[in-house]
Every structure is written in C-alpha cells, then in structure tokens.
C-alpha cells in the first residue's frame, strides 16, 4: 500500500495571513506529502468501524530514520487468508487536523 499524493481539501478555510498562505501554497505545489502528520491502515475494513493495524506518524523512526516525515509505503504481512476480496481502508490526517480516507477492494 502506498500514498501517491495528498491534496489539502480546504486551504481557504485556514485562518492565515497572505504571507503564510503563499508559503503553504509553495509546499502544496512542490511537496504535498510533507503535510501528512499521520496515516493508518485497516486491511479488513467493514465499512463502519476502522480498526488500524499499521500506522506511521511524524516523529516515528521505527519505519524509517526521518523524524520529520511519514513513510509513504506500507507493507502488511502475515494477514489472515480471506475468501473473496478484501476491503482496505487508509486514513490520513494532515498537519491541520483534516482527515481523508480511501477505500479499495483487493483480491
């Protein structure tokens, strides 16, 4: 699993002056992944309750040695075998507290 891009959904809702808004726009344009504070994965999402079994967050150095960024690829092993497709949900929280999620079915 990986996060390929991140889009800040409501930059206009942020209370900031023009100088800081321009700085934020530069980050959004050049390195949007730098805005991710935390992300997690539920490999058996039932559509109602999110049960995270893997996470990475800013400051965590167990997944890599960079305390300022999250990793963008997760490899889940030892998942129980499941008949039929598996519904995977990924949730992302950015530095402003906005949440986003993506759901995919995988064989």
N, C-alpha and C. Protein backbone atom coordinates (compact mmCIF):
# COMPACT_ATOMS: atom_id res chain seq x y z
N UNK A 1 0.83 -1.17 0.00
CA UNK A 1 0.00 0.00 0.00
C UNK A 1 0.87 1.23 0.00
N UNK A 2 0.37 2.25 -0.66
CA UNK A 2 1.16 3.47 -0.68
C UNK A 2 0.26 4.68 -0.82
N UNK A 3 0.79 5.80 -0.43
CA UNK A 3 0.13 7.09 -0.66
C UNK A 3 0.93 7.76 -1.77
N UNK A 4 0.28 8.02 -2.88
CA UNK A 4 0.96 8.59 -4.03
C UNK A 4 0.88 10.11 -4.09
N UNK A 5 -0.15 10.68 -3.46
CA UNK A 5 -0.34 12.12 -3.48
C UNK A 5 -1.23 12.50 -2.31
N UNK A 6 -1.18 13.76 -1.94
CA UNK A 6 -2.09 14.27 -0.93
C UNK A 6 -2.56 15.64 -1.37
N UNK A 7 -3.87 15.86 -1.26
CA UNK A 7 -4.46 17.13 -1.66
C UNK A 7 -5.08 17.78 -0.42
N UNK A 8 -4.65 18.97 -0.10
CA UNK A 8 -5.23 19.73 1.00
C UNK A 8 -6.60 20.20 0.55
N UNK A 9 -7.66 19.66 1.16
CA UNK A 9 -9.01 19.88 0.66
C UNK A 9 -9.55 21.28 0.90
N UNK A 10 -9.19 21.92 1.98
CA UNK A 10 -9.79 23.22 2.32
C UNK A 10 -8.75 24.26 2.71
N UNK A 11 -7.80 24.58 1.85
CA UNK A 11 -6.79 25.56 2.25
C UNK A 11 -7.39 26.94 2.54
N UNK A 12 -8.51 27.27 1.88
CA UNK A 12 -9.13 28.58 2.12
C UNK A 12 -9.80 28.66 3.49
N UNK A 13 -10.07 27.52 4.11
CA UNK A 13 -10.69 27.51 5.43
C UNK A 13 -9.69 27.79 6.54
N UNK A 14 -8.41 27.79 6.21
CA UNK A 14 -7.37 28.03 7.21
C UNK A 14 -7.23 29.52 7.47
N UNK A 15 -7.16 29.87 8.72
CA UNK A 15 -7.02 31.27 9.12
C UNK A 15 -5.54 31.64 9.10
N UNK A 16 -5.08 32.21 7.98
CA UNK A 16 -3.69 32.64 7.89
C UNK A 16 -3.57 33.90 7.06
N UNK A 17 -2.51 34.61 7.32
CA UNK A 17 -2.27 35.83 6.55
C UNK A 17 -1.73 35.47 5.17
N UNK A 18 -1.64 36.46 4.29
CA UNK A 18 -1.23 36.22 2.91
C UNK A 18 0.18 35.65 2.80
N UNK A 19 1.09 36.10 3.66
CA UNK A 19 2.46 35.60 3.62
C UNK A 19 2.51 34.11 3.90
N UNK A 20 1.83 33.69 4.95
CA UNK A 20 1.82 32.26 5.29
C UNK A 20 1.02 31.45 4.28
N UNK A 21 -0.03 32.02 3.72
CA UNK A 21 -0.80 31.32 2.69
C UNK A 21 0.08 31.07 1.45
N UNK A 22 0.92 32.04 1.10
CA UNK A 22 1.83 31.85 -0.04
C UNK A 22 2.86 30.76 0.27
N UNK A 23 3.36 30.72 1.50
CA UNK A 23 4.31 29.67 1.89
C UNK A 23 3.65 28.30 1.82
N UNK A 24 2.42 28.22 2.32
CA UNK A 24 1.68 26.96 2.26
C UNK A 24 1.46 26.53 0.82
N UNK A 25 1.12 27.47 -0.04
CA UNK A 25 0.89 27.13 -1.45
C UNK A 25 2.15 26.58 -2.11
N UNK A 26 3.31 27.09 -1.74
CA UNK A 26 4.57 26.56 -2.28
C UNK A 26 4.75 25.10 -1.87
N UNK A 27 4.42 24.78 -0.61
CA UNK A 27 4.53 23.40 -0.13
C UNK A 27 3.52 22.52 -0.86
N UNK A 28 2.29 22.98 -0.98
CA UNK A 28 1.25 22.23 -1.69
C UNK A 28 1.70 21.92 -3.11
N UNK A 29 2.31 22.88 -3.77
CA UNK A 29 2.74 22.69 -5.16
C UNK A 29 3.98 21.81 -5.29
N UNK A 30 4.91 21.90 -4.35
CA UNK A 30 6.19 21.21 -4.51
C UNK A 30 6.28 19.88 -3.77
N UNK A 31 5.65 19.77 -2.60
CA UNK A 31 5.81 18.56 -1.79
C UNK A 31 4.59 18.34 -0.90
N UNK A 32 3.44 18.02 -1.47
CA UNK A 32 2.21 17.90 -0.68
C UNK A 32 2.29 16.80 0.38
N UNK A 33 3.14 15.80 0.19
CA UNK A 33 3.27 14.73 1.17
C UNK A 33 3.85 15.24 2.50
N UNK A 34 4.51 16.38 2.47
CA UNK A 34 5.08 16.96 3.69
C UNK A 34 3.98 17.43 4.65
N UNK A 35 2.74 17.53 4.17
CA UNK A 35 1.64 17.97 5.02
C UNK A 35 1.02 16.83 5.83
N UNK A 36 1.40 15.59 5.54
CA UNK A 36 0.81 14.45 6.26
C UNK A 36 1.45 14.33 7.63
N UNK A 37 0.60 14.31 8.63
CA UNK A 37 1.04 14.16 10.02
C UNK A 37 0.98 12.69 10.44
N UNK A 38 -0.01 11.96 9.92
CA UNK A 38 -0.29 10.61 10.41
C UNK A 38 -1.10 9.87 9.36
N UNK A 39 -0.84 8.57 9.20
CA UNK A 39 -1.72 7.75 8.37
C UNK A 39 -1.75 6.34 8.91
N UNK A 40 -2.86 5.63 8.65
CA UNK A 40 -3.03 4.29 9.19
C UNK A 40 -3.84 3.43 8.22
N UNK A 41 -3.75 2.11 8.43
CA UNK A 41 -4.35 1.16 7.50
C UNK A 41 -5.21 0.15 8.27
N UNK A 42 -6.41 -0.07 7.76
CA UNK A 42 -7.28 -1.17 8.21
C UNK A 42 -7.43 -2.11 7.01
N UNK A 43 -6.80 -3.30 7.04
CA UNK A 43 -6.82 -4.19 5.89
C UNK A 43 -8.11 -5.00 5.75
N UNK A 44 -9.01 -4.91 6.72
CA UNK A 44 -10.29 -5.63 6.68
C UNK A 44 -11.43 -4.70 7.06
N UNK A 45 -11.49 -3.57 6.43
CA UNK A 45 -12.48 -2.54 6.77
C UNK A 45 -13.89 -3.06 6.50
N UNK A 46 -14.77 -2.94 7.50
CA UNK A 46 -16.14 -3.42 7.36
C UNK A 46 -17.10 -2.33 6.92
N UNK A 47 -16.59 -1.13 6.69
CA UNK A 47 -17.44 -0.02 6.26
C UNK A 47 -18.01 0.79 7.40
N UNK A 48 -17.79 0.34 8.63
CA UNK A 48 -18.35 1.05 9.79
C UNK A 48 -17.28 1.40 10.82
N UNK A 49 -16.54 0.40 11.26
CA UNK A 49 -15.54 0.60 12.31
C UNK A 49 -14.14 0.47 11.72
N UNK A 50 -13.33 1.50 11.90
CA UNK A 50 -11.95 1.49 11.40
C UNK A 50 -11.06 0.88 12.48
N UNK A 51 -10.40 -0.22 12.12
CA UNK A 51 -9.50 -0.91 13.05
C UNK A 51 -8.09 -0.88 12.48
N UNK A 52 -7.33 0.08 12.90
CA UNK A 52 -5.98 0.26 12.39
C UNK A 52 -5.05 -0.83 12.89
N UNK A 53 -4.30 -1.44 11.96
CA UNK A 53 -3.28 -2.40 12.39
C UNK A 53 -1.88 -1.91 12.03
N UNK A 54 -1.79 -0.81 11.29
CA UNK A 54 -0.48 -0.25 10.93
C UNK A 54 -0.62 1.27 10.91
N UNK A 55 0.41 1.96 11.43
CA UNK A 55 0.41 3.42 11.44
C UNK A 55 1.82 3.95 11.21
N UNK A 56 1.87 5.15 10.68
CA UNK A 56 3.11 5.91 10.70
C UNK A 56 2.74 7.36 10.99
N UNK A 57 3.59 8.03 11.71
CA UNK A 57 3.32 9.40 12.11
C UNK A 57 4.64 10.17 12.19
N UNK A 58 4.49 11.46 12.08
CA UNK A 58 5.65 12.34 12.17
C UNK A 58 6.31 12.13 13.53
N UNK A 59 7.60 11.92 13.54
CA UNK A 59 8.32 11.67 14.78
C UNK A 59 8.62 10.20 15.00
N UNK A 60 7.92 9.32 14.29
CA UNK A 60 8.16 7.88 14.42
C UNK A 60 9.38 7.51 13.58
N UNK A 61 10.37 6.90 14.19
CA UNK A 61 11.55 6.49 13.44
C UNK A 61 11.68 4.97 13.36
N UNK A 62 10.61 4.25 13.72
CA UNK A 62 10.64 2.79 13.58
C UNK A 62 10.52 2.37 12.12
N UNK A 63 9.79 3.13 11.30
CA UNK A 63 9.59 2.77 9.90
C UNK A 63 10.66 3.35 8.98
N UNK A 64 11.32 4.40 9.41
CA UNK A 64 12.45 4.99 8.70
C UNK A 64 13.21 5.87 9.68
N UNK A 65 14.25 6.52 9.22
CA UNK A 65 15.06 7.32 10.15
C UNK A 65 14.78 8.82 10.06
N UNK A 66 13.66 9.20 9.45
CA UNK A 66 13.34 10.62 9.29
C UNK A 66 12.23 11.01 10.28
N UNK A 67 12.55 11.75 11.33
CA UNK A 67 11.53 12.11 12.31
C UNK A 67 10.56 13.20 11.85
N UNK A 68 10.83 13.81 10.69
CA UNK A 68 10.01 14.94 10.23
C UNK A 68 9.00 14.57 9.15
N UNK A 69 9.07 13.35 8.65
CA UNK A 69 8.17 12.93 7.56
C UNK A 69 7.64 11.54 7.83
N UNK A 70 6.48 11.26 7.27
CA UNK A 70 5.96 9.90 7.34
C UNK A 70 6.45 9.12 6.13
N UNK A 71 6.51 7.81 6.27
CA UNK A 71 6.80 6.97 5.11
C UNK A 71 5.54 6.96 4.24
N UNK A 72 5.69 6.67 2.98
CA UNK A 72 4.53 6.68 2.09
C UNK A 72 4.18 5.29 1.57
N UNK A 73 4.91 4.27 2.02
CA UNK A 73 4.64 2.89 1.61
C UNK A 73 4.55 2.02 2.85
N UNK A 74 3.51 1.19 2.90
CA UNK A 74 3.34 0.23 4.00
C UNK A 74 3.26 -1.16 3.40
N UNK A 75 3.94 -2.08 4.01
CA UNK A 75 3.89 -3.48 3.59
C UNK A 75 3.32 -4.29 4.74
N UNK A 76 2.13 -4.84 4.53
CA UNK A 76 1.48 -5.62 5.57
C UNK A 76 1.69 -7.10 5.27
N UNK A 77 2.25 -7.81 6.22
CA UNK A 77 2.49 -9.23 6.07
C UNK A 77 1.74 -9.99 7.16
N UNK A 78 1.64 -11.28 7.00
CA UNK A 78 1.01 -12.14 7.99
C UNK A 78 -0.47 -11.83 8.21
N UNK A 79 -1.14 -11.31 7.18
CA UNK A 79 -2.58 -11.11 7.30
C UNK A 79 -3.27 -12.46 7.11
N UNK A 80 -4.34 -12.71 7.85
CA UNK A 80 -5.04 -13.98 7.65
C UNK A 80 -5.62 -14.07 6.25
N UNK A 81 -5.64 -15.28 5.71
CA UNK A 81 -6.21 -15.51 4.39
C UNK A 81 -7.71 -15.28 4.47
N UNK A 82 -8.25 -14.67 3.42
CA UNK A 82 -9.67 -14.35 3.41
C UNK A 82 -10.27 -14.80 2.09
N UNK A 83 -11.41 -15.45 2.13
CA UNK A 83 -12.11 -15.83 0.90
C UNK A 83 -12.71 -14.57 0.28
N UNK A 84 -12.50 -14.41 -1.01
CA UNK A 84 -13.06 -13.25 -1.70
C UNK A 84 -12.20 -12.02 -1.54
N UNK A 85 -12.68 -10.91 -2.07
CA UNK A 85 -11.89 -9.67 -2.00
C UNK A 85 -11.82 -9.11 -0.58
N UNK A 86 -10.79 -8.36 -0.36
CA UNK A 86 -10.54 -7.72 0.94
C UNK A 86 -10.75 -6.22 0.74
N UNK A 87 -11.46 -5.57 1.67
CA UNK A 87 -11.65 -4.13 1.60
C UNK A 87 -10.61 -3.47 2.52
N UNK A 88 -9.75 -2.66 1.93
CA UNK A 88 -8.69 -1.98 2.66
C UNK A 88 -9.04 -0.50 2.75
N UNK A 89 -8.88 0.07 3.94
CA UNK A 89 -9.14 1.50 4.14
C UNK A 89 -7.86 2.15 4.67
N UNK A 90 -7.50 3.26 4.06
CA UNK A 90 -6.36 4.06 4.51
C UNK A 90 -6.90 5.41 4.96
N UNK A 91 -6.51 5.82 6.16
CA UNK A 91 -6.89 7.13 6.67
C UNK A 91 -5.65 7.99 6.85
N UNK A 92 -5.79 9.25 6.48
CA UNK A 92 -4.69 10.22 6.55
C UNK A 92 -5.17 11.44 7.34
N UNK A 93 -4.31 11.95 8.21
CA UNK A 93 -4.57 13.20 8.92
C UNK A 93 -3.41 14.14 8.60
N UNK A 94 -3.75 15.37 8.19
CA UNK A 94 -2.68 16.30 7.85
C UNK A 94 -2.32 17.18 9.05
N UNK A 95 -1.35 18.05 8.85
CA UNK A 95 -0.84 18.89 9.94
C UNK A 95 -1.88 19.88 10.47
N UNK A 96 -2.97 20.09 9.72
CA UNK A 96 -4.03 21.00 10.16
C UNK A 96 -5.18 20.25 10.83
N UNK A 97 -5.09 18.92 10.88
CA UNK A 97 -6.14 18.12 11.51
C UNK A 97 -7.22 17.64 10.55
N UNK A 98 -7.10 17.98 9.28
CA UNK A 98 -8.06 17.48 8.30
C UNK A 98 -7.84 16.00 8.06
N UNK A 99 -8.92 15.24 7.94
CA UNK A 99 -8.83 13.80 7.70
C UNK A 99 -9.32 13.47 6.30
N UNK A 100 -8.72 12.45 5.72
CA UNK A 100 -9.15 11.92 4.43
C UNK A 100 -9.01 10.41 4.49
N UNK A 101 -9.80 9.72 3.67
CA UNK A 101 -9.67 8.27 3.61
C UNK A 101 -9.92 7.78 2.21
N UNK A 102 -9.33 6.63 1.92
CA UNK A 102 -9.52 5.96 0.64
C UNK A 102 -9.79 4.50 0.93
N UNK A 103 -10.73 3.92 0.18
CA UNK A 103 -11.09 2.52 0.34
C UNK A 103 -10.91 1.84 -1.01
N UNK A 104 -10.31 0.64 -0.96
CA UNK A 104 -10.10 -0.14 -2.19
C UNK A 104 -10.35 -1.60 -1.89
N UNK A 105 -10.90 -2.31 -2.87
CA UNK A 105 -11.03 -3.75 -2.74
C UNK A 105 -9.87 -4.39 -3.46
N UNK A 106 -9.25 -5.35 -2.80
CA UNK A 106 -8.11 -6.07 -3.38
C UNK A 106 -8.38 -7.56 -3.29
N UNK A 107 -7.88 -8.29 -4.29
CA UNK A 107 -8.10 -9.74 -4.32
C UNK A 107 -7.14 -10.44 -3.38
